Amino acid sequence: MKILVTGGAGYIGSVTSELMLDSGHEVIIFDNFERGHRSAVDERATVVEGDLRDKESILSAMSQSKPDAVMHFAAYALVPESMSQPEIYFRNNVIGGINLAEAMHTVGVKKIVFSSTCATYGVPERVPISEDLPQKPTNPYGDSKLTFEKILQWYHDLHGMQTIFLRYFNACGATEKFGEDHDPETHIIPIVLQVALGQREKVFICGDDYNTPDGTCVRDYIHIVDLAQAHILAIESDFSGPFNLGNGSGYSVKQVVETAREVTGVNITADISDRRPGDPDTLIAAADKAREVLGWKPRIPELSDIIESAWKWHQAHPEGYND
């Protein structure tokens, strides 16, 4: 298939593009490189520089490439930033999404896999989190993703577009080529590894009084390769609707730090700091639907293997990407 990948220079988009190319698909990456990296683009992909907020930019790229399907990763994704600047999240994630959907409809592209998030559920009514739970986001980031899910659902109902929403949990890990490099970095695993590399003095654990076995938040960490495989299965399928992606088990923040110590051989310093507002105690995915419908099965579920893959990439790229 010929697949247009928005945000293909980002963390998840770059790895998914790499594996799609390995699988024989043709990939056109559409990115404005505002938060992605040019050196995170697989050399086998075609690159179109553009911005989803520019309606003509995405319409031109869609018209010229005429893809069989779209994989949509391009979005702002920092919860604290969304709380202080909600307008940029709705402008980028929603208005940009509308421009994408409209361009697809105009050109006649009938399939999209949307990179959504478990943040659409907010504080879940129960754990593990299944797709039928109410979606009540607690921040503009999650709300912007949910809003675009609803827009795509209307395109499905009114125009027959195949729309797949992949709501995933904590993406982590790396391939040999591509890894995680954000500015600012807010994810626990790369932060812990930056301490191991001597780039930070310590890692701060935000709260140790949660209702969990060791008092720190528990999350479902899913390897980036497993996420990418789910996207490929989704784009090759005939299904529509939401799928949660996770391993179905969780690790606490303290477990992440301790496992990173074991993997790196470095006595990583960790201090307790204040809770972050709105952090639920536990977020774990019920991914039975993805397993049963898409035939998806995580291949790298162990936290030590996930951290080891990230550690190898960060050792090889101590300053991240060069652009």
Protein backbone atom coordinates (compact mmCIF):
# COMPACT_ATOMS: atom_id res chain seq x y z
CA MET A 1 0.00 0.00 0.00
CA LYS A 2 0.97 3.64 -0.43
CA ILE A 3 0.54 5.27 2.99
CA LEU A 4 0.70 8.96 3.86
CA VAL A 5 2.10 9.32 7.40
CA THR A 6 1.48 12.63 9.12
CA GLY A 7 4.01 13.32 11.86
CA GLY A 8 6.32 10.66 10.49
CA ALA A 9 9.37 12.47 11.87
CA GLY A 10 8.16 12.07 15.44
CA TYR A 11 8.90 9.27 17.91
CA ILE A 12 6.10 6.84 17.11
CA GLY A 13 5.73 7.93 13.49
CA SER A 14 9.39 7.31 12.71
CA VAL A 15 9.42 3.76 14.07
CA THR A 16 6.09 2.87 12.47
CA SER A 17 7.33 4.21 9.13
CA GLU A 18 10.50 2.13 9.46
CA LEU A 19 8.55 -1.07 10.07
CA MET A 20 6.02 -0.33 7.33
CA LEU A 21 8.87 0.10 4.86
CA ASP A 22 10.33 -3.19 6.12
CA SER A 23 6.93 -4.77 5.41
CA GLY A 24 6.96 -3.59 1.79
CA HIS A 25 4.65 -0.58 2.04
CA GLU A 26 5.42 2.72 0.33
CA VAL A 27 5.61 5.60 2.82
CA ILE A 28 5.14 9.33 2.23
CA ILE A 29 5.95 11.35 5.34
CA PHE A 30 4.13 14.65 5.81
CA ASP A 31 5.69 16.72 8.60
CA ASN A 32 6.42 20.34 9.44
CA PHE A 33 9.48 19.35 11.55
CA GLU A 34 8.35 21.67 14.34
CA ARG A 35 8.75 18.93 16.94
CA GLY A 36 9.94 16.02 14.81
CA HIS A 37 13.47 15.41 13.57
CA ARG A 38 14.70 15.25 9.99
CA SER A 39 17.23 12.59 10.97
CA ALA A 40 14.38 10.47 12.37
CA VAL A 41 13.03 9.95 8.85
CA ASP A 42 13.86 6.64 7.23
CA GLU A 43 15.89 7.26 4.07
CA ARG A 44 13.56 4.96 2.11
CA ALA A 45 10.55 7.23 2.69
CA THR A 46 9.41 10.12 0.51
CA VAL A 47 9.25 13.40 2.46
CA VAL A 48 6.76 16.21 1.95
CA GLU A 49 7.26 19.21 4.23
CA GLY A 50 3.97 20.80 5.18
CA ASP A 51 1.65 21.80 8.01
CA LEU A 52 -1.82 20.40 8.68
CA ARG A 53 -2.95 23.81 9.89
CA ASP A 54 -2.43 25.00 6.32
CA LYS A 55 -5.43 23.59 4.47
CA GLU A 56 -3.85 23.96 1.03
CA SER A 57 -0.62 22.30 2.18
CA ILE A 58 -2.22 18.98 3.09
CA LEU A 59 -4.66 19.08 0.17
CA SER A 60 -1.76 19.51 -2.25
CA ALA A 61 0.21 16.65 -0.65
CA MET A 62 -2.86 14.39 -0.72
CA SER A 63 -3.70 15.25 -4.32
CA GLN A 64 -0.16 14.67 -5.56
CA SER A 65 0.53 11.44 -3.65
CA LYS A 66 -2.96 9.88 -3.89
CA PRO A 67 -2.29 7.41 -1.06
CA ASP A 68 -4.29 4.27 -0.35
CA ALA A 69 -4.50 5.18 3.32
CA VAL A 70 -3.41 7.69 5.95
CA MET A 71 -1.68 7.08 9.27
CA HIS A 72 -2.13 10.17 11.44
CA PHE A 73 0.43 10.88 14.18
CA ALA A 74 0.89 14.65 13.86
CA ALA A 75 -0.22 16.32 17.11
CA TYR A 76 0.89 18.23 20.15
CA ALA A 77 1.06 15.80 23.07
CA LEU A 78 2.20 17.49 26.29
CA VAL A 79 -0.47 17.50 28.99
CA PRO A 80 0.99 20.37 31.09
CA GLU A 81 1.40 22.51 27.97
CA SER A 82 -2.20 21.81 27.00
CA MET A 83 -3.33 23.07 30.40
CA SER A 84 -1.52 26.39 29.92
CA GLN A 85 -2.12 26.80 26.17
CA PRO A 86 -5.33 24.94 25.28
CA GLU A 87 -5.84 27.03 22.15
CA ILE A 88 -2.76 25.67 20.39
CA TYR A 89 -3.91 22.10 21.09
CA PHE A 90 -7.32 22.61 19.52
CA ARG A 91 -5.85 24.58 16.63
CA ASN A 92 -3.23 21.92 15.85
CA ASN A 93 -4.92 18.68 16.87
CA VAL A 94 -8.50 19.51 15.87
CA ILE A 95 -8.39 22.10 13.11
CA GLY A 96 -5.35 20.40 11.59
CA GLY A 97 -7.25 17.12 11.81
CA ILE A 98 -10.28 18.59 10.06
CA ASN A 99 -8.06 19.82 7.23
CA LEU A 100 -6.65 16.29 6.93
CA ALA A 101 -10.07 14.61 6.90
CA GLU A 102 -11.38 17.13 4.37
CA ALA A 103 -8.39 16.58 2.09
CA MET A 104 -8.89 12.81 2.31
CA HIS A 105 -12.57 13.17 1.40
CA THR A 106 -11.79 15.53 -1.49
CA VAL A 107 -9.20 13.19 -3.01
CA GLY A 108 -11.16 10.02 -2.22
CA VAL A 109 -8.87 8.42 0.37
CA LYS A 110 -11.07 6.09 2.40
CA LYS A 111 -8.90 4.73 5.22
CA ILE A 112 -7.24 6.33 8.24
CA VAL A 113 -5.52 4.97 11.34
CA PHE A 114 -5.56 7.68 14.00
CA SER A 115 -2.96 7.80 16.76
CA SER A 116 -5.22 8.51 19.73
CA THR A 117 -4.59 8.10 23.45
CA CYS A 118 -5.83 6.64 26.70
CA ALA A 119 -6.05 10.26 27.89
CA THR A 120 -9.50 10.34 26.28
CA TYR A 121 -10.75 8.23 29.22
CA GLY A 122 -9.58 10.67 31.89
CA VAL A 123 -9.72 9.06 35.33
CA PRO A 124 -11.15 5.63 34.43
CA GLU A 125 -14.12 4.09 36.20
CA ARG A 126 -12.24 0.79 36.40
CA VAL A 127 -8.92 -0.81 35.53
CA PRO A 128 -7.97 -2.47 33.20
CA ILE A 129 -9.46 0.08 30.81
CA SER A 130 -11.63 -1.31 28.02
CA GLU A 131 -12.92 0.53 24.96
CA ASP A 132 -16.50 0.70 26.25
CA LEU A 133 -15.67 2.88 29.27
CA PRO A 134 -16.89 6.51 29.24
CA GLN A 135 -14.47 8.99 27.71
CA LYS A 136 -14.14 11.95 30.07
CA PRO A 137 -10.78 13.64 29.43
CA THR A 138 -9.35 15.81 32.18
CA ASN A 139 -7.08 18.00 30.04
CA PRO A 140 -7.21 19.79 26.67
CA TYR A 141 -4.77 17.30 25.13
CA GLY A 142 -7.07 14.33 25.77
CA ASP A 143 -10.11 16.40 24.81
CA SER A 144 -8.53 17.41 21.49
CA LYS A 145 -7.89 13.77 20.65
CA LEU A 146 -11.43 12.76 21.60
CA THR A 147 -12.86 15.62 19.54
CA PHE A 148 -11.06 14.39 16.44
CA GLU A 149 -12.20 10.82 17.12
CA LYS A 150 -15.79 12.13 17.02
CA ILE A 151 -15.14 14.04 13.80
CA LEU A 152 -13.70 10.93 12.14
CA GLN A 153 -16.68 8.90 13.34
CA TRP A 154 -18.94 11.28 11.41
CA TYR A 155 -16.78 10.85 8.30
CA HIS A 156 -17.24 7.10 8.78
CA ASP A 157 -21.01 7.38 9.19
CA LEU A 158 -21.62 9.95 6.44
CA HIS A 159 -18.92 9.17 3.87
CA GLY A 160 -18.04 5.52 4.46
CA MET A 161 -14.50 6.29 5.58
CA GLN A 162 -12.75 3.45 7.41
CA THR A 163 -11.64 5.02 10.68
CA ILE A 164 -9.51 3.23 13.28
CA PHE A 165 -8.63 4.82 16.62
CA LEU A 166 -5.63 3.35 18.40
CA ARG A 167 -5.67 4.48 22.03
CA TYR A 168 -2.36 3.61 23.54
CA PHE A 169 -0.79 3.92 26.90
CA ASN A 170 2.89 4.64 27.70
CA ALA A 171 4.95 4.29 24.52
CA CYS A 172 8.61 3.53 25.20
CA GLY A 173 11.69 1.69 23.94
CA ALA A 174 13.53 2.04 20.65
CA THR A 175 14.72 0.29 17.52
CA GLU A 176 18.36 0.32 16.52
CA LYS A 177 17.67 3.30 14.23
CA PHE A 178 15.09 5.40 16.00
CA GLY A 179 14.34 6.35 19.59
CA GLU A 180 12.78 8.94 21.86
CA ASP A 181 14.03 12.53 21.79
CA HIS A 182 11.65 15.25 22.99
CA ASP A 183 12.28 18.84 24.02
CA PRO A 184 11.27 19.16 26.75
CA GLU A 185 11.45 15.51 27.78
CA THR A 186 8.58 14.53 30.06
CA HIS A 187 8.56 10.72 29.84
CA ILE A 188 9.97 8.72 32.73
CA ILE A 189 12.16 6.20 30.88
CA PRO A 190 14.24 8.66 28.82
CA ILE A 191 14.51 10.94 31.87
CA VAL A 192 15.86 8.07 33.99
CA LEU A 193 18.32 7.16 31.24
CA GLN A 194 19.49 10.77 31.03
CA VAL A 195 20.42 10.48 34.71
CA ALA A 196 22.32 7.27 33.92
CA LEU A 197 24.18 9.14 31.16
CA GLY A 198 25.12 11.94 33.56
CA GLN A 199 22.93 14.49 31.76
CA ARG A 200 20.67 15.01 34.79
CA GLU A 201 21.57 14.91 38.45
CA LYS A 202 18.50 12.95 39.52
CA VAL A 203 15.01 11.89 38.60
CA PHE A 204 12.03 13.21 40.52
CA ILE A 205 9.22 10.78 41.34
CA CYS A 206 5.99 12.78 41.47
CA GLY A 207 4.28 11.50 44.60
CA ASP A 208 4.67 8.30 46.64
CA ASP A 209 1.30 8.25 48.40
CA TYR A 210 -0.90 6.79 45.67
CA ASN A 211 -3.13 3.78 46.23
CA THR A 212 -0.64 1.34 44.68
CA PRO A 213 1.65 -1.35 46.15
CA ASP A 214 4.64 0.98 46.56
CA GLY A 215 2.82 4.32 46.58
CA THR A 216 3.95 5.47 43.11
CA CYS A 217 1.82 5.60 39.98
CA VAL A 218 1.42 2.39 37.97
CA ARG A 219 1.37 2.57 34.18
CA ASP A 220 1.17 0.18 31.24
CA TYR A 221 4.46 0.52 29.33
CA ILE A 222 4.29 -0.69 25.72
CA HIS A 223 7.28 -1.09 23.43
CA ILE A 224 7.31 1.18 20.40
CA VAL A 225 7.81 -1.81 18.09
CA ASP A 226 4.63 -3.43 19.43
CA LEU A 227 2.75 -0.18 18.88
CA ALA A 228 4.06 0.04 15.34
CA GLN A 229 3.00 -3.54 14.60
CA ALA A 230 -0.52 -2.71 15.79
CA HIS A 231 -0.66 0.21 13.37
CA ILE A 232 0.41 -2.01 10.49
CA LEU A 233 -2.20 -4.64 11.37
CA ALA A 234 -4.82 -1.90 11.58
CA ILE A 235 -3.95 -0.32 8.23
CA GLU A 236 -4.05 -3.74 6.57
CA SER A 237 -7.43 -4.61 8.13
CA ASP A 238 -11.02 -3.84 7.14
CA PHE A 239 -12.13 -2.90 10.65
CA SER A 240 -13.25 0.44 12.05
CA GLY A 241 -13.53 1.66 15.62
CA PRO A 242 -11.36 1.99 18.72
CA PHE A 243 -8.63 -0.32 20.00
CA ASN A 244 -6.73 0.04 23.26
CA LEU A 245 -3.06 -0.90 23.05
CA GLY A 246 -1.12 -2.03 26.09
CA ASN A 247 0.43 -5.10 27.66
CA GLY A 248 -2.38 -5.50 30.17
CA SER A 249 0.00 -5.23 33.11
CA GLY A 250 1.60 -2.30 34.85
CA TYR A 251 4.83 -1.17 36.49
CA SER A 252 5.23 1.52 39.12
CA VAL A 253 7.53 4.51 38.76
CA LYS A 254 9.79 3.05 41.44
CA GLN A 255 9.94 -0.22 39.47
CA VAL A 256 10.96 1.72 36.36
CA VAL A 257 13.80 3.40 38.26
CA GLU A 258 14.99 0.16 39.82
CA THR A 259 14.86 -1.72 36.52
CA ALA A 260 16.83 1.08 34.84
CA ARG A 261 19.47 0.75 37.57
CA GLU A 262 19.75 -2.96 36.83
CA VAL A 263 19.90 -2.49 33.04
CA THR A 264 22.40 0.39 33.06
CA GLY A 265 24.50 -0.63 36.05
CA VAL A 266 24.23 2.96 37.32
CA ASN A 267 22.95 3.86 40.77
CA ILE A 268 20.35 6.33 39.49
CA THR A 269 19.43 8.94 42.11
CA ALA A 270 15.69 9.40 42.63
CA ASP A 271 13.96 11.89 44.91
CA ILE A 272 10.29 12.20 45.77
CA SER A 273 8.56 15.41 44.70
CA ASP A 274 4.97 16.66 44.78
CA ARG A 275 2.19 14.92 42.93
CA ARG A 276 1.25 16.19 39.49
CA PRO A 277 -2.38 17.36 39.37
CA GLY A 278 -4.75 14.82 37.83
CA ASP A 279 -2.45 11.79 37.81
CA PRO A 280 -4.57 8.65 38.34
CA ASP A 281 -3.19 5.91 40.59
CA THR A 282 -3.19 3.19 37.94
CA LEU A 283 -3.65 3.11 34.16
CA ILE A 284 -3.59 -0.33 32.55
CA ALA A 285 -5.06 -1.30 29.19
CA ALA A 286 -7.51 -4.06 28.48
CA ALA A 287 -6.24 -4.87 24.98
CA ASP A 288 -8.33 -8.00 24.39
CA LYS A 289 -10.13 -6.43 21.43
CA ALA A 290 -6.88 -5.69 19.58
CA ARG A 291 -5.69 -9.22 20.21
CA GLU A 292 -8.93 -10.84 19.07
CA VAL A 293 -9.91 -8.58 16.15
CA LEU A 294 -6.53 -7.45 14.78
CA GLY A 295 -4.58 -10.54 15.81
CA TRP A 296 -2.12 -8.33 17.65
CA LYS A 297 0.18 -9.68 20.33
CA PRO A 298 2.91 -7.68 22.10
CA ARG A 299 6.31 -9.23 21.45
CA ILE A 300 8.36 -7.24 23.97
CA PRO A 301 6.26 -6.97 27.15
CA GLU A 302 9.03 -7.11 29.75
CA LEU A 303 10.07 -3.78 31.25
CA SER A 304 13.75 -4.79 31.34
CA ASP A 305 13.75 -5.50 27.59
CA ILE A 306 11.96 -2.22 26.87
CA ILE A 307 14.47 -0.20 28.91
CA GLU A 308 17.43 -2.10 27.45
CA SER A 309 16.38 -1.18 23.90
CA ALA A 310 16.01 2.47 24.92
CA TRP A 311 19.35 2.40 26.77
CA LYS A 312 21.20 1.10 23.69
CA TRP A 313 19.70 3.87 21.56
CA HIS A 314 20.48 6.62 24.08
CA GLN A 315 24.05 5.35 24.45
CA ALA A 316 24.46 5.51 20.67
CA HIS A 317 22.73 8.92 20.52
CA PRO A 318 23.61 10.65 23.82
CA GLU A 319 22.55 14.04 22.48
CA GLY A 320 19.49 12.64 20.68
CA TYR A 321 19.05 13.55 17.05
CA ASN A 322 21.39 16.07 15.47
CA ASP A 323 18.74 18.48 14.22
